[in-house]
Protein backbone atom coordinates (compact mmCIF):
# COMPACT_ATOMS: atom_id res chain seq x y z
CA MET A 1 179.34 6.33 45.58
CA ASP A 2 182.92 6.78 44.22
CA CYS A 3 184.20 8.64 41.24
CA GLY A 4 183.73 6.26 38.20
CA ASP A 5 180.61 4.53 39.67
CA THR A 6 177.73 4.15 37.37
CA PHE A 7 174.00 3.61 37.96
CA LEU A 8 170.76 3.85 35.90
CA MET A 9 168.15 6.55 36.69
CA PRO A 10 165.44 8.40 34.56
CA ALA A 11 166.49 12.00 33.37
CA PRO A 12 165.09 14.70 35.53
CA GLY A 13 161.54 15.55 34.21
CA GLY A 14 161.86 13.18 31.49
CA ALA A 15 160.16 9.85 30.74
CA ALA A 16 160.71 6.90 32.90
CA THR A 17 163.21 5.33 30.54
CA PRO A 18 166.26 5.07 32.58
CA HIS A 19 169.73 6.39 31.33
CA LEU A 20 173.25 5.53 32.45
CA TRP A 21 174.56 8.15 34.80
CA ILE A 22 178.33 8.39 35.90
CA VAL A 23 179.75 9.93 39.09
CA VAL A 24 182.44 12.22 38.20
CA THR A 25 183.65 13.74 41.23
CA GLN A 26 184.47 12.16 44.66
CA PRO A 27 181.96 13.00 47.45
CA GLY A 28 182.96 16.05 49.71
CA PRO A 29 184.18 14.86 53.10
CA ARG A 30 181.48 17.04 55.09
CA THR A 31 178.66 17.39 52.51
CA HIS A 32 178.82 13.98 50.81
CA LEU A 33 177.76 15.82 47.51
CA PHE A 34 179.26 14.55 44.33
CA ALA A 35 178.64 15.46 40.63
CA ILE A 36 177.11 13.17 38.07
CA VAL A 37 176.50 13.22 34.31
CA SER A 38 174.27 11.38 31.92
CA VAL A 39 174.76 9.28 29.03
CA THR A 40 172.86 9.84 25.87
CA THR A 41 172.63 8.80 22.21
CA LEU A 42 174.99 10.44 20.23
CA ARG A 43 173.36 12.48 17.64
CA ASN A 44 174.78 15.29 15.07
CA SER A 45 173.89 18.20 17.29
CA LYS A 46 175.15 16.59 20.72
CA ASP A 47 178.43 17.75 22.34
CA GLN A 48 181.34 15.20 21.18
CA THR A 49 183.86 15.95 23.73
CA VAL A 50 183.36 12.73 25.22
CA ILE A 51 182.27 9.80 22.82
CA LEU A 52 181.24 6.32 24.32
CA ARG A 53 181.20 3.30 22.18
CA PRO A 54 179.80 -0.37 22.47
CA GLY A 55 182.21 -2.23 24.89
CA ASP A 56 183.00 1.00 27.07
CA HIS A 57 180.26 -0.11 29.63
CA PRO A 58 177.76 -3.17 29.59
CA PHE A 59 174.90 -0.55 29.03
CA ILE A 60 176.22 1.06 26.21
CA ARG A 61 174.94 -0.43 22.91
CA HIS A 62 175.38 2.23 20.31
CA ASP A 63 177.63 5.41 20.18
CA SER A 64 176.80 7.70 23.01
CA THR A 65 178.11 10.97 24.46
CA ILE A 66 177.98 12.77 27.89
CA PHE A 67 174.82 15.21 28.28
CA TYR A 68 176.35 17.94 30.51
CA GLY A 69 172.98 19.72 30.56
CA ASP A 70 171.88 17.37 33.05
CA ALA A 71 175.00 17.36 35.30
């Protein structure tokens, strides 16, 4: 995987509903570890640092944001 790649996966400990995840760092040369963040529906109490809108990605159908708590 590379920085910017996306995939669908259920949230940890959550329901089986898949969420969009984004790779936000390049994998390390020796460990091959990388950081990922999930995309969630934008609600009033959610962090609004990054807002994604329909058209930003084929999976996004309504205003969404990054849920950093699952990173």
